Amino acid sequence: MVIRDLFVERKEEMEMKMKVLLINRWSQLETVGGAERVFFSMANALSERHEVTALAMTQTGAERPFFDLNKNVKFLHLKNCYEKTKSIKHKIARTFY
């Protein structure tokens, strides 16, 4: 094996896609603020080279976020996460609170 082959193998390792999960909790999905903008900008930027899932946990049932997402970002929306019940949604939300 020559040094060139080692470099090619290393380059292929560096180009591997990571699986990234971004989690954010809002009271409303359609909120227009700096944290929300950064969240969606980060998801869009990371999705250019990696496999990204964005998870939003909210109180309200809005269907779409205010900010746009690239089509290759998987978007999951858990609604009514702030209800004090014994539901699995509440348990997941409390884990990240």
PDB file of N, CA and C in Angstrom:
ATOM      1  N   MET A   1       0.841  -1.168   0.000  1.00  0.00           N
ATOM      2  CA  MET A   1       0.000   0.000   0.000  1.00  0.00           C
ATOM      3  C   MET A   1       0.894   1.241   0.000  1.00  0.00           C
ATOM      4  N   VAL A   2       0.590   2.154  -0.873  1.00  0.00           N
ATOM      5  CA  VAL A   2       1.381   3.384  -0.953  1.00  0.00           C
ATOM      6  C   VAL A   2       0.678   4.498  -0.185  1.00  0.00           C
ATOM      7  N   ILE A   3       1.397   5.562   0.033  1.00  0.00           N
ATOM      8  CA  ILE A   3       0.853   6.676   0.818  1.00  0.00           C
ATOM      9  C   ILE A   3      -0.383   7.262   0.143  1.00  0.00           C
ATOM     10  N   ARG A   4      -0.398   7.286  -1.156  1.00  0.00           N
ATOM     11  CA  ARG A   4      -1.551   7.816  -1.873  1.00  0.00           C
ATOM     12  C   ARG A   4      -2.805   7.026  -1.525  1.00  0.00           C
ATOM     13  N   ASP A   5      -2.705   5.702  -1.433  1.00  0.00           N
ATOM     14  CA  ASP A   5      -3.853   4.867  -1.080  1.00  0.00           C
ATOM     15  C   ASP A   5      -4.340   5.166   0.338  1.00  0.00           C
ATOM     16  N   LEU A   6      -3.420   5.398   1.245  1.00  0.00           N
ATOM     17  CA  LEU A   6      -3.808   5.742   2.613  1.00  0.00           C
ATOM     18  C   LEU A   6      -4.563   7.065   2.650  1.00  0.00           C
ATOM     19  N   PHE A   7      -4.115   8.017   1.853  1.00  0.00           N
ATOM     20  CA  PHE A   7      -4.775   9.317   1.808  1.00  0.00           C
ATOM     21  C   PHE A   7      -6.188   9.187   1.256  1.00  0.00           C
ATOM     22  N   VAL A   8      -6.360   8.382   0.219  1.00  0.00           N
ATOM     23  CA  VAL A   8      -7.683   8.181  -0.377  1.00  0.00           C
ATOM     24  C   VAL A   8      -8.619   7.530   0.632  1.00  0.00           C
ATOM     25  N   GLU A   9      -8.133   6.526   1.369  1.00  0.00           N
ATOM     26  CA  GLU A   9      -8.967   5.882   2.388  1.00  0.00           C
ATOM     27  C   GLU A   9      -9.366   6.880   3.463  1.00  0.00           C
ATOM     28  N   ARG A  10      -8.450   7.706   3.899  1.00  0.00           N
ATOM     29  CA  ARG A  10      -8.739   8.703   4.939  1.00  0.00           C
ATOM     30  C   ARG A  10      -9.755   9.721   4.429  1.00  0.00           C
ATOM     31  N   LYS A  11      -9.625  10.119   3.180  1.00  0.00           N
ATOM     32  CA  LYS A  11     -10.558  11.082   2.602  1.00  0.00           C
ATOM     33  C   LYS A  11     -11.960  10.490   2.560  1.00  0.00           C
ATOM     34  N   GLU A  12     -12.082   9.219   2.208  1.00  0.00           N
ATOM     35  CA  GLU A  12     -13.388   8.568   2.178  1.00  0.00           C
ATOM     36  C   GLU A  12     -13.993   8.505   3.572  1.00  0.00           C
ATOM     37  N   GLU A  13     -13.171   8.251   4.588  1.00  0.00           N
ATOM     38  CA  GLU A  13     -13.663   8.228   5.965  1.00  0.00           C
ATOM     39  C   GLU A  13     -14.194   9.597   6.364  1.00  0.00           C
ATOM     40  N   MET A  14     -13.511  10.649   5.960  1.00  0.00           N
ATOM     41  CA  MET A  14     -13.919  11.998   6.320  1.00  0.00           C
ATOM     42  C   MET A  14     -15.209  12.402   5.619  1.00  0.00           C
ATOM     43  N   GLU A  15     -15.496  11.804   4.478  1.00  0.00           N
ATOM     44  CA  GLU A  15     -16.689  12.160   3.725  1.00  0.00           C
ATOM     45  C   GLU A  15     -17.919  11.377   4.164  1.00  0.00           C
ATOM     46  N   MET A  16     -17.775  10.506   5.145  1.00  0.00           N
ATOM     47  CA  MET A  16     -18.922   9.744   5.620  1.00  0.00           C
ATOM     48  C   MET A  16     -19.944  10.687   6.245  1.00  0.00           C
ATOM     49  N   LYS A  17     -21.207  10.389   6.020  1.00  0.00           N
ATOM     50  CA  LYS A  17     -22.264  11.223   6.574  1.00  0.00           C
ATOM     51  C   LYS A  17     -22.537  10.854   8.023  1.00  0.00           C
ATOM     52  N   MET A  18     -22.669  11.868   8.835  1.00  0.00           N
ATOM     53  CA  MET A  18     -23.084  11.659  10.221  1.00  0.00           C
ATOM     54  C   MET A  18     -24.605  11.763  10.282  1.00  0.00           C
ATOM     55  N   LYS A  19     -25.180  11.131  11.277  1.00  0.00           N
ATOM     56  CA  LYS A  19     -26.604  11.282  11.547  1.00  0.00           C
ATOM     57  C   LYS A  19     -26.731  12.289  12.679  1.00  0.00           C
ATOM     58  N   VAL A  20     -27.410  13.394  12.399  1.00  0.00           N
ATOM     59  CA  VAL A  20     -27.518  14.492  13.353  1.00  0.00           C
ATOM     60  C   VAL A  20     -28.976  14.664  13.756  1.00  0.00           C
ATOM     61  N   LEU A  21     -29.220  14.754  15.068  1.00  0.00           N
ATOM     62  CA  LEU A  21     -30.559  15.019  15.587  1.00  0.00           C
ATOM     63  C   LEU A  21     -30.524  16.351  16.313  1.00  0.00           C
ATOM     64  N   LEU A  22     -31.307  17.314  15.819  1.00  0.00           N
ATOM     65  CA  LEU A  22     -31.432  18.617  16.470  1.00  0.00           C
ATOM     66  C   LEU A  22     -32.777  18.656  17.180  1.00  0.00           C
ATOM     67  N   ILE A  23     -32.764  19.032  18.450  1.00  0.00           N
ATOM     68  CA  ILE A  23     -33.989  19.051  19.245  1.00  0.00           C
ATOM     69  C   ILE A  23     -34.198  20.453  19.793  1.00  0.00           C
ATOM     70  N   ASN A  24     -35.429  20.944  19.657  1.00  0.00           N
ATOM     71  CA  ASN A  24     -35.763  22.238  20.221  1.00  0.00           C
ATOM     72  C   ASN A  24     -37.172  22.201  20.762  1.00  0.00           C
ATOM     73  N   ARG A  25     -37.380  22.914  21.872  1.00  0.00           N
ATOM     74  CA  ARG A  25     -38.708  22.995  22.486  1.00  0.00           C
ATOM     75  C   ARG A  25     -39.196  24.437  22.413  1.00  0.00           C
ATOM     76  N   TRP A  26     -40.347  24.602  21.817  1.00  0.00           N
ATOM     77  CA  TRP A  26     -40.985  25.911  21.752  1.00  0.00           C
ATOM     78  C   TRP A  26     -42.394  25.777  22.286  1.00  0.00           C
ATOM     79  N   SER A  27     -42.985  26.909  22.639  1.00  0.00           N
ATOM     80  CA  SER A  27     -44.400  26.853  22.987  1.00  0.00           C
ATOM     81  C   SER A  27     -45.230  26.858  21.708  1.00  0.00           C
ATOM     82  N   GLN A  28     -44.694  27.491  20.643  1.00  0.00           N
ATOM     83  CA  GLN A  28     -45.398  27.537  19.361  1.00  0.00           C
ATOM     84  C   GLN A  28     -44.408  27.266  18.236  1.00  0.00           C
ATOM     85  N   LEU A  29     -44.863  26.533  17.239  1.00  0.00           N
ATOM     86  CA  LEU A  29     -43.980  26.180  16.119  1.00  0.00           C
ATOM     87  C   LEU A  29     -43.718  27.366  15.200  1.00  0.00           C
ATOM     88  N   GLU A  30     -44.699  28.241  15.041  1.00  0.00           N
ATOM     89  CA  GLU A  30     -44.572  29.341  14.085  1.00  0.00           C
ATOM     90  C   GLU A  30     -43.898  30.581  14.677  1.00  0.00           C
ATOM     91  N   THR A  31     -43.240  30.450  15.814  1.00  0.00           N
ATOM     92  CA  THR A  31     -42.547  31.570  16.449  1.00  0.00           C
ATOM     93  C   THR A  31     -41.437  32.093  15.534  1.00  0.00           C
ATOM     94  N   VAL A  32     -41.330  33.430  15.452  1.00  0.00           N
ATOM     95  CA  VAL A  32     -40.311  34.063  14.615  1.00  0.00           C
ATOM     96  C   VAL A  32     -39.303  34.734  15.545  1.00  0.00           C
ATOM     97  N   GLY A  33     -38.207  34.060  15.806  1.00  0.00           N
ATOM     98  CA  GLY A  33     -37.198  34.620  16.703  1.00  0.00           C
ATOM     99  C   GLY A  33     -35.811  34.159  16.317  1.00  0.00           C
ATOM    100  N   GLY A  34     -34.830  34.673  17.032  1.00  0.00           N
ATOM    101  CA  GLY A  34     -33.439  34.354  16.718  1.00  0.00           C
ATOM    102  C   GLY A  34     -33.080  32.903  16.962  1.00  0.00           C
ATOM    103  N   ALA A  35     -33.557  32.334  18.067  1.00  0.00           N
ATOM    104  CA  ALA A  35     -33.238  30.932  18.371  1.00  0.00           C
ATOM    105  C   ALA A  35     -33.832  30.003  17.324  1.00  0.00           C
ATOM    106  N   GLU A  36     -35.045  30.305  16.900  1.00  0.00           N
ATOM    107  CA  GLU A  36     -35.696  29.482  15.882  1.00  0.00           C
ATOM    108  C   GLU A  36     -34.964  29.595  14.548  1.00  0.00           C
ATOM    109  N   ARG A  37     -34.564  30.826  14.200  1.00  0.00           N
ATOM    110  CA  ARG A  37     -33.843  31.033  12.940  1.00  0.00           C
ATOM    111  C   ARG A  37     -32.519  30.278  12.951  1.00  0.00           C
ATOM    112  N   VAL A  38     -31.798  30.338  14.061  1.00  0.00           N
ATOM    113  CA  VAL A  38     -30.520  29.620  14.176  1.00  0.00           C
ATOM    114  C   VAL A  38     -30.747  28.116  14.075  1.00  0.00           C
ATOM    115  N   PHE A  39     -31.789  27.617  14.730  1.00  0.00           N
ATOM    116  CA  PHE A  39     -32.105  26.184  14.691  1.00  0.00           C
ATOM    117  C   PHE A  39     -32.301  25.705  13.254  1.00  0.00           C
ATOM    118  N   PHE A  40     -33.141  26.415  12.489  1.00  0.00           N
ATOM    119  CA  PHE A  40     -33.416  26.001  11.116  1.00  0.00           C
ATOM    120  C   PHE A  40     -32.235  26.265  10.191  1.00  0.00           C
ATOM    121  N   SER A  41     -31.485  27.328  10.420  1.00  0.00           N
ATOM    122  CA  SER A  41     -30.277  27.584   9.618  1.00  0.00           C
ATOM    123  C   SER A  41     -29.238  26.492   9.841  1.00  0.00           C
ATOM    124  N   MET A  42     -29.089  26.071  11.096  1.00  0.00           N
ATOM    125  CA  MET A  42     -28.138  25.007  11.412  1.00  0.00           C
ATOM    126  C   MET A  42     -28.569  23.695  10.761  1.00  0.00           C
ATOM    127  N   ALA A  43     -29.860  23.391  10.827  1.00  0.00           N
ATOM    128  CA  ALA A  43     -30.362  22.166  10.198  1.00  0.00           C
ATOM    129  C   ALA A  43     -30.094  22.192   8.697  1.00  0.00           C
ATOM    130  N   ASN A  44     -30.364  23.318   8.051  1.00  0.00           N
ATOM    131  CA  ASN A  44     -30.142  23.434   6.610  1.00  0.00           C
ATOM    132  C   ASN A  44     -28.664  23.305   6.257  1.00  0.00           C
ATOM    133  N   ALA A  45     -27.799  23.954   7.020  1.00  0.00           N
ATOM    134  CA  ALA A  45     -26.359  23.904   6.735  1.00  0.00           C
ATOM    135  C   ALA A  45     -25.804  22.496   6.938  1.00  0.00           C
ATOM    136  N   LEU A  46     -26.177  21.856   8.027  1.00  0.00           N
ATOM    137  CA  LEU A  46     -25.675  20.501   8.290  1.00  0.00           C
ATOM    138  C   LEU A  46     -26.200  19.488   7.279  1.00  0.00           C
ATOM    139  N   SER A  47     -27.399  19.726   6.752  1.00  0.00           N
ATOM    140  CA  SER A  47     -27.998  18.762   5.826  1.00  0.00           C
ATOM    141  C   SER A  47     -27.292  18.709   4.477  1.00  0.00           C
ATOM    142  N   GLU A  48     -26.449  19.683   4.198  1.00  0.00           N
ATOM    143  CA  GLU A  48     -25.710  19.664   2.938  1.00  0.00           C
ATOM    144  C   GLU A  48     -24.674  18.543   2.908  1.00  0.00           C
ATOM    145  N   ARG A  49     -24.192  18.131   4.087  1.00  0.00           N
ATOM    146  CA  ARG A  49     -23.171  17.084   4.137  1.00  0.00           C
ATOM    147  C   ARG A  49     -23.542  15.896   5.005  1.00  0.00           C
ATOM    148  N   HIS A  50     -24.640  16.018   5.767  1.00  0.00           N
ATOM    149  CA  HIS A  50     -24.992  14.971   6.716  1.00  0.00           C
ATOM    150  C   HIS A  50     -26.487  14.665   6.653  1.00  0.00           C
ATOM    151  N   GLU A  51     -26.866  13.603   7.318  1.00  0.00           N
ATOM    152  CA  GLU A  51     -28.268  13.204   7.411  1.00  0.00           C
ATOM    153  C   GLU A  51     -28.849  13.846   8.674  1.00  0.00           C
ATOM    154  N   VAL A  52     -29.764  14.804   8.497  1.00  0.00           N
ATOM    155  CA  VAL A  52     -30.247  15.618   9.614  1.00  0.00           C
ATOM    156  C   VAL A  52     -31.726  15.372   9.878  1.00  0.00           C
ATOM    157  N   THR A  53     -32.055  15.218  11.164  1.00  0.00           N
ATOM    158  CA  THR A  53     -33.439  15.161  11.617  1.00  0.00           C
ATOM    159  C   THR A  53     -33.636  16.302  12.600  1.00  0.00           C
ATOM    160  N   ALA A  54     -34.662  17.115  12.372  1.00  0.00           N
ATOM    161  CA  ALA A  54     -34.997  18.218  13.272  1.00  0.00           C
ATOM    162  C   ALA A  54     -36.267  17.843  14.021  1.00  0.00           C
ATOM    163  N   LEU A  55     -36.192  17.849  15.342  1.00  0.00           N
ATOM    164  CA  LEU A  55     -37.326  17.483  16.185  1.00  0.00           C
ATOM    165  C   LEU A  55     -37.799  18.718  16.934  1.00  0.00           C
ATOM    166  N   ALA A  56     -39.080  19.061  16.759  1.00  0.00           N
ATOM    167  CA  ALA A  56     -39.675  20.202  17.462  1.00  0.00           C
ATOM    168  C   ALA A  56     -40.747  19.695  18.410  1.00  0.00           C
ATOM    169  N   MET A  57     -40.656  20.120  19.656  1.00  0.00           N
ATOM    170  CA  MET A  57     -41.661  19.768  20.662  1.00  0.00           C
ATOM    171  C   MET A  57     -42.387  21.053  21.042  1.00  0.00           C
ATOM    172  N   THR A  58     -43.694  21.104  20.794  1.00  0.00           N
ATOM    173  CA  THR A  58     -44.431  22.350  20.997  1.00  0.00           C
ATOM    174  C   THR A  58     -45.707  22.151  21.797  1.00  0.00           C
ATOM    175  N   GLN A  59     -46.265  23.274  22.205  1.00  0.00           N
ATOM    176  CA  GLN A  59     -47.547  23.287  22.895  1.00  0.00           C
ATOM    177  C   GLN A  59     -48.693  23.327  21.887  1.00  0.00           C
ATOM    178  N   THR A  60     -48.541  24.144  20.853  1.00  0.00           N
ATOM    179  CA  THR A  60     -49.633  24.340  19.894  1.00  0.00           C
ATOM    180  C   THR A  60     -49.535  23.354  18.747  1.00  0.00           C
ATOM    181  N   GLY A  61     -50.590  23.312  17.976  1.00  0.00           N
ATOM    182  CA  GLY A  61     -50.664  22.347  16.893  1.00  0.00           C
ATOM    183  C   GLY A  61     -50.425  22.911  15.509  1.00  0.00           C
ATOM    184  N   ALA A  62     -49.648  23.980  15.364  1.00  0.00           N
ATOM    185  CA  ALA A  62     -49.352  24.525  14.041  1.00  0.00           C
ATOM    186  C   ALA A  62     -48.649  23.463  13.207  1.00  0.00           C
ATOM    187  N   GLU A  63     -48.942  23.435  11.932  1.00  0.00           N
ATOM    188  CA  GLU A  63     -48.409  22.374  11.068  1.00  0.00           C
ATOM    189  C   GLU A  63     -47.030  22.678  10.495  1.00  0.00           C
ATOM    190  N   ARG A  64     -46.766  23.941  10.175  1.00  0.00           N
ATOM    191  CA  ARG A  64     -45.503  24.288   9.524  1.00  0.00           C
ATOM    192  C   ARG A  64     -44.751  25.339  10.325  1.00  0.00           C
ATOM    193  N   PRO A  65     -43.435  25.220  10.372  1.00  0.00           N
ATOM    194  CA  PRO A  65     -42.648  26.271  11.023  1.00  0.00           C
ATOM    195  C   PRO A  65     -42.588  27.514  10.140  1.00  0.00           C
ATOM    196  N   PHE A  66     -42.275  28.642  10.735  1.00  0.00           N
ATOM    197  CA  PHE A  66     -42.165  29.887   9.978  1.00  0.00           C
ATOM    198  C   PHE A  66     -40.992  29.834   9.009  1.00  0.00           C
ATOM    199  N   PHE A  67     -39.859  29.303   9.457  1.00  0.00           N
ATOM    200  CA  PHE A  67     -38.655  29.263   8.628  1.00  0.00           C
ATOM    201  C   PHE A  67     -38.651  28.021   7.744  1.00  0.00           C
ATOM    202  N   ASP A  68     -38.057  28.161   6.563  1.00  0.00           N
ATOM    203  CA  ASP A  68     -38.018  27.060   5.600  1.00  0.00           C
ATOM    204  C   ASP A  68     -36.918  26.064   5.947  1.00  0.00           C
ATOM    205  N   LEU A  69     -37.178  24.812   5.574  1.00  0.00           N
ATOM    206  CA  LEU A  69     -36.195  23.741   5.729  1.00  0.00           C
ATOM    207  C   LEU A  69     -35.874  23.158   4.364  1.00  0.00           C
ATOM    208  N   ASN A  70     -34.622  22.749   4.176  1.00  0.00           N
ATOM    209  CA  ASN A  70     -34.262  22.034   2.950  1.00  0.00           C
ATOM    210  C   ASN A  70     -35.073  20.750   2.872  1.00  0.00           C
ATOM    211  N   LYS A  71     -35.312  20.292   1.658  1.00  0.00           N
ATOM    212  CA  LYS A  71     -36.131  19.086   1.488  1.00  0.00           C
ATOM    213  C   LYS A  71     -35.450  17.830   2.031  1.00  0.00           C
ATOM    214  N   ASN A  72     -34.134  17.859   2.208  1.00  0.00           N
ATOM    215  CA  ASN A  72     -33.441  16.671   2.717  1.00  0.00           C
ATOM    216  C   ASN A  72     -33.329  16.648   4.247  1.00  0.00           C
ATOM    217  N   VAL A  73     -33.948  17.609   4.938  1.00  0.00           N
ATOM    218  CA  VAL A  73     -34.013  17.589   6.406  1.00  0.00           C
ATOM    219  C   VAL A  73     -35.305  16.886   6.803  1.00  0.00           C
ATOM    220  N   LYS A  74     -35.179  15.856   7.626  1.00  0.00           N
ATOM    221  CA  LYS A  74     -36.371  15.179   8.143  1.00  0.00           C
ATOM    222  C   LYS A  74     -36.890  16.009   9.307  1.00  0.00           C
ATOM    223  N   PHE A  75     -38.157  16.382   9.256  1.00  0.00           N
ATOM    224  CA  PHE A  75     -38.734  17.230  10.300  1.00  0.00           C
ATOM    225  C   PHE A  75     -39.803  16.460  11.052  1.00  0.00           C
ATOM    226  N   LEU A  76     -39.619  16.342  12.361  1.00  0.00           N
ATOM    227  CA  LEU A  76     -40.589  15.672  13.219  1.00  0.00           C
ATOM    228  C   LEU A  76     -41.173  16.701  14.171  1.00  0.00           C
ATOM    229  N   HIS A  77     -42.494  16.675  14.316  1.00  0.00           N
ATOM    230  CA  HIS A  77     -43.163  17.645  15.176  1.00  0.00           C
ATOM    231  C   HIS A  77     -44.022  16.907  16.194  1.00  0.00           C
ATOM    232  N   LEU A  78     -43.640  16.987  17.462  1.00  0.00           N
ATOM    233  CA  LEU A  78     -44.442  16.424  18.542  1.00  0.00           C
ATOM    234  C   LEU A  78     -45.270  17.551  19.142  1.00  0.00           C
ATOM    235  N   LYS A  79     -46.578  17.444  19.010  1.00  0.00           N
ATOM    236  CA  LYS A  79     -47.483  18.492  19.500  1.00  0.00           C
ATOM    237  C   LYS A  79     -47.932  18.194  20.922  1.00  0.00           C
ATOM    238  N   ASN A  80     -48.363  19.246  21.602  1.00  0.00           N
ATOM    239  CA  ASN A  80     -48.925  19.150  22.954  1.00  0.00           C
ATOM    240  C   ASN A  80     -47.968  18.479  23.933  1.00  0.00           C
ATOM    241  N   CYS A  81     -46.721  18.828  23.879  1.00  0.00           N
ATOM    242  CA  CYS A  81     -45.717  18.214  24.754  1.00  0.00           C
ATOM    243  C   CYS A  81     -45.706  18.791  26.159  1.00  0.00           C
ATOM    244  N   TYR A  82     -46.406  19.879  26.372  1.00  0.00           N
ATOM    245  CA  TYR A  82     -46.369  20.512  27.682  1.00  0.00           C
ATOM    246  C   TYR A  82     -47.520  20.081  28.580  1.00  0.00           C
ATOM    247  N   GLU A  83     -48.405  19.244  28.084  1.00  0.00           N
ATOM    248  CA  GLU A  83     -49.497  18.758  28.915  1.00  0.00           C
ATOM    249  C   GLU A  83     -48.921  17.863  30.002  1.00  0.00           C
ATOM    250  N   LYS A  84     -49.352  18.083  31.207  1.00  0.00           N
ATOM    251  CA  LYS A  84     -48.819  17.289  32.321  1.00  0.00           C
ATOM    252  C   LYS A  84     -49.587  15.985  32.417  1.00  0.00           C
ATOM    253  N   THR A  85     -49.241  15.100  31.552  1.00  0.00           N
ATOM    254  CA  THR A  85     -49.857  13.780  31.535  1.00  0.00           C
ATOM    255  C   THR A  85     -48.754  12.744  31.634  1.00  0.00           C
ATOM    256  N   LYS A  86     -49.129  11.533  31.624  1.00  0.00           N
ATOM    257  CA  LYS A  86     -48.143  10.453  31.657  1.00  0.00           C
ATOM    258  C   LYS A  86     -47.872   9.925  30.245  1.00  0.00           C
ATOM    259  N   SER A  87     -48.156  10.745  29.248  1.00  0.00           N
ATOM    260  CA  SER A  87     -47.964  10.317  27.867  1.00  0.00           C
ATOM    261  C   SER A  87     -46.476  10.196  27.542  1.00  0.00           C
ATOM    262  N   ILE A  88     -46.182   9.445  26.529  1.00  0.00           N
ATOM    263  CA  ILE A  88     -44.793   9.266  26.093  1.00  0.00           C
ATOM    264  C   ILE A  88     -44.225  10.591  25.588  1.00  0.00           C
ATOM    265  N   LYS A  89     -45.068  11.429  24.962  1.00  0.00           N
ATOM    266  CA  LYS A  89     -44.599  12.733  24.490  1.00  0.00           C
ATOM    267  C   LYS A  89     -44.110  13.579  25.664  1.00  0.00           C
ATOM    268  N   HIS A  90     -44.872  13.565  26.744  1.00  0.00           N
ATOM    269  CA  HIS A  90     -44.481  14.356  27.914  1.00  0.00           C
ATOM    270  C   HIS A  90     -43.179  13.822  28.511  1.00  0.00           C
ATOM    271  N   LYS A  91     -43.032  12.524  28.560  1.00  0.00           N
ATOM    272  CA  LYS A  91     -41.811  11.933  29.109  1.00  0.00           C
ATOM    273  C   LYS A  91     -40.593  12.300  28.263  1.00  0.00           C
ATOM    274  N   ILE A  92     -40.754  12.282  26.941  1.00  0.00           N
ATOM    275  CA  ILE A  92     -39.647  12.663  26.056  1.00  0.00           C
ATOM    276  C   ILE A  92     -39.312  14.131  26.262  1.00  0.00           C
ATOM    277  N   ALA A  93     -40.335  14.978  26.314  1.00  0.00           N
ATOM    278  CA  ALA A  93     -40.107  16.412  26.502  1.00  0.00           C
ATOM    279  C   ALA A  93     -39.415  16.684  27.833  1.00  0.00           C
ATOM    280  N   ARG A  94     -39.803  16.014  28.883  1.00  0.00           N
ATOM    281  CA  ARG A  94     -39.199  16.212  30.198  1.00  0.00           C
ATOM    282  C   ARG A  94     -37.743  15.750  30.220  1.00  0.00           C
ATOM    283  N   THR A  95     -37.416  14.780  29.393  1.00  0.00           N
ATOM    284  CA  THR A  95     -36.038  14.301  29.322  1.00  0.00           C
ATOM    285  C   THR A  95     -35.099  15.413  28.868  1.00  0.00           C
ATOM    286  N   PHE A  96     -35.559  16.262  27.948  1.00  0.00           N
ATOM    287  CA  PHE A  96     -34.723  17.315  27.382  1.00  0.00           C
ATOM    288  C   PHE A  96     -34.977  18.673  28.015  1.00  0.00           C
ATOM    289  N   TYR A  97     -35.756  18.749  29.067  1.00  0.00           N
ATOM    290  CA  TYR A  97     -36.079  20.028  29.707  1.00  0.00           C
ATOM    291  C   TYR A  97     -35.030  20.421  30.704  1.00  0.00           C
TER     292      TYR A  97
END
